[in-house]
C-alpha atoms as a PDB file:
ATOM      1  CA  MET A   1       0.000   0.000   0.000  1.00  0.00           C
ATOM      2  CA  ARG A   2       1.305   3.428  -0.840  1.00  0.00           C
ATOM      3  CA  VAL A   3       1.213   6.500   1.373  1.00  0.00           C
ATOM      4  CA  PRO A   4      -0.941   9.131  -0.341  1.00  0.00           C
ATOM      5  CA  ALA A   5       1.016  11.976  -1.942  1.00  0.00           C
ATOM      6  CA  HIS A   6       1.239  15.375  -0.235  1.00  0.00           C
ATOM      7  CA  GLY A   7      -2.100  17.105  -0.587  1.00  0.00           C
ATOM      8  CA  ASP A   8      -3.896  13.824  -1.312  1.00  0.00           C
ATOM      9  CA  GLU A   9      -6.949  13.882   0.968  1.00  0.00           C
ATOM     10  CA  MET A  10      -8.057  10.302   0.381  1.00  0.00           C
ATOM     11  CA  SER A  11      -8.810   8.108   3.360  1.00  0.00           C
ATOM     12  CA  TRP A  12      -8.273   4.393   2.769  1.00  0.00           C
ATOM     13  CA  VAL A  13      -9.970   1.079   3.604  1.00  0.00           C
ATOM     14  CA  ARG A  14      -8.496  -2.423   3.283  1.00  0.00           C
ATOM     15  CA  LYS A  15      -8.845  -5.926   4.674  1.00  0.00           C
ATOM     16  CA  ALA A  16      -7.273  -6.420   8.079  1.00  0.00           C
ATOM     17  CA  GLY A  17      -4.031  -8.350   7.829  1.00  0.00           C
ATOM     18  CA  PRO A  18      -0.894  -9.500   9.587  1.00  0.00           C
ATOM     19  CA  GLY A  19       0.645  -6.640  11.528  1.00  0.00           C
ATOM     20  CA  ASP A  20      -2.704  -4.998  12.387  1.00  0.00           C
ATOM     21  CA  GLU A  21      -3.250  -7.025  15.573  1.00  0.00           C
ATOM     22  CA  ALA A  22      -2.130  -4.423  18.146  1.00  0.00           C
ATOM     23  CA  VAL A  23      -4.162  -1.599  16.614  1.00  0.00           C
ATOM     24  CA  ILE A  24      -7.249  -3.768  16.235  1.00  0.00           C
ATOM     25  CA  ALA A  25      -6.981  -5.014  19.826  1.00  0.00           C
ATOM     26  CA  ARG A  26      -7.052  -1.353  20.957  1.00  0.00           C
ATOM     27  CA  LEU A  27     -10.003  -0.434  18.685  1.00  0.00           C
ATOM     28  CA  VAL A  28     -12.226  -3.469  19.317  1.00  0.00           C
ATOM     29  CA  PRO A  29     -13.436  -2.562  22.844  1.00  0.00           C
ATOM     30  CA  ALA A  30     -14.879   0.731  21.594  1.00  0.00           C
ATOM     31  CA  ALA A  31     -16.150  -0.561  18.256  1.00  0.00           C
ATOM     32  CA  LEU A  32     -17.597  -3.889  19.408  1.00  0.00           C
ATOM     33  CA  ALA A  33     -18.659  -3.035  22.954  1.00  0.00           C
ATOM     34  CA  THR A  34     -19.615  -6.078  24.972  1.00  0.00           C
ATOM     35  CA  SER A  35     -19.767  -6.911  28.640  1.00  0.00           C
ATOM     36  CA  ASP A  36     -19.332 -10.613  27.972  1.00  0.00           C
ATOM     37  CA  PRO A  37     -15.989 -11.684  29.504  1.00  0.00           C
ATOM     38  CA  ARG A  38     -15.729 -14.530  26.954  1.00  0.00           C
ATOM     39  CA  HIS A  39     -14.871 -11.988  24.257  1.00  0.00           C
ATOM     40  CA  ASP A  40     -11.241 -10.950  24.289  1.00  0.00           C
ATOM     41  CA  ALA A  41     -10.115  -8.162  21.934  1.00  0.00           C
ATOM     42  CA  ARG A  42      -6.613  -9.596  21.488  1.00  0.00           C
ATOM     43  CA  GLU A  43      -7.947 -13.072  20.642  1.00  0.00           C
ATOM     44  CA  PHE A  44     -10.292 -11.493  18.096  1.00  0.00           C
ATOM     45  CA  ALA A  45      -7.423  -9.562  16.479  1.00  0.00           C
ATOM     46  CA  ASP A  46      -5.119 -12.587  16.531  1.00  0.00           C
ATOM     47  CA  ALA A  47      -7.773 -14.666  14.740  1.00  0.00           C
ATOM     48  CA  MET A  48      -8.790 -12.096  12.120  1.00  0.00           C
ATOM     49  CA  CYS A  49      -5.421 -10.695  10.999  1.00  0.00           C
ATOM     50  CA  PRO A  50      -3.607 -13.854   9.851  1.00  0.00           C
ATOM     51  CA  ALA A  51      -6.786 -14.823   7.972  1.00  0.00           C
ATOM     52  CA  HIS A  52      -6.722 -11.470   6.132  1.00  0.00           C
ATOM     53  CA  GLY A  53      -9.873 -10.208   7.803  1.00  0.00           C
ATOM     54  CA  GLU A  54     -12.099 -13.244   7.365  1.00  0.00           C
ATOM     55  CA  ALA A  55     -13.370 -15.764   9.896  1.00  0.00           C
ATOM     56  CA  PRO A  56     -16.096 -18.399   9.860  1.00  0.00           C
ATOM     57  CA  VAL A  57     -19.167 -17.823  12.007  1.00  0.00           C
ATOM     58  CA  PRO A  58     -22.094 -20.237  12.440  1.00  0.00           C
ATOM     59  CA  HIS A  59     -24.091 -18.575   9.657  1.00  0.00           C
ATOM     60  CA  GLY A  60     -21.367 -17.677   7.114  1.00  0.00           C
ATOM     61  CA  THR A  61     -18.153 -15.640   7.061  1.00  0.00           C
ATOM     62  CA  SER A  62     -17.415 -12.487   9.027  1.00  0.00           C
ATOM     63  CA  ARG A  63     -15.145  -9.816   7.555  1.00  0.00           C
ATOM     64  CA  LEU A  64     -12.963  -7.167   9.161  1.00  0.00           C
ATOM     65  CA  LEU A  65     -11.757  -4.072   7.342  1.00  0.00           C
ATOM     66  CA  VAL A  66      -9.484  -1.355   8.692  1.00  0.00           C
ATOM     67  CA  ALA A  67      -9.567   2.301   7.679  1.00  0.00           C
ATOM     68  CA  GLY A  68      -6.975   5.021   7.888  1.00  0.00           C
ATOM     69  CA  GLN A  69      -6.591   8.744   7.661  1.00  0.00           C
ATOM     70  CA  PRO A  70      -5.025  10.520   4.694  1.00  0.00           C
ATOM     71  CA  GLY A  71      -1.238  10.275   4.639  1.00  0.00           C
ATOM     72  CA  THR A  72      -1.018   7.377   7.120  1.00  0.00           C
ATOM     73  CA  LEU A  73      -0.452   3.639   6.973  1.00  0.00           C
ATOM     74  CA  ALA A  74      -1.664   2.727  10.483  1.00  0.00           C
ATOM     75  CA  PRO A  75      -5.362   1.920  10.881  1.00  0.00           C
ATOM     76  CA  ALA A  76      -7.441   4.476  12.775  1.00  0.00           C
ATOM     77  CA  GLY A  77     -10.753   2.617  12.666  1.00  0.00           C
ATOM     78  CA  LEU A  78     -12.373  -0.678  11.825  1.00  0.00           C
ATOM     79  CA  ILE A  79     -15.448  -2.022  10.105  1.00  0.00           C
ATOM     80  CA  TYR A  80     -16.767  -5.449  11.078  1.00  0.00           C
ATOM     81  CA  PHE A  81     -19.332  -7.255   8.924  1.00  0.00           C
ATOM     82  CA  LEU A  82     -21.430 -10.273   9.835  1.00  0.00           C
ATOM     83  CA  PRO A  83     -23.595 -12.087   7.289  1.00  0.00           C
ATOM     84  CA  PRO A  84     -27.349 -11.604   7.576  1.00  0.00           C
ATOM     85  CA  TYR A  85     -29.038 -13.945   9.991  1.00  0.00           C
ATOM     86  CA  ALA A  86     -32.713 -14.933  10.002  1.00  0.00           C
ATOM     87  CA  TRP A  87     -34.079 -15.734  13.450  1.00  0.00           C
END
């Protein structure tokens, strides 16, 4: 991935990947708030990053994207998708 050129105001979005674990572990508690002690942010990050942002769930595949600010390479936010589920 390239760093945007000076004056380039484009934010970026990509699949989570190896090397994003620490940032994702810091972002997950705010983004995926849960009081369930079974959910550990570091375990989530460690599972999603080596798999390039994809993980199986009982009803399909979940996906994790990271987003960054213009002129940066480090993620500043995350987007987590779950497949639709019919109760």
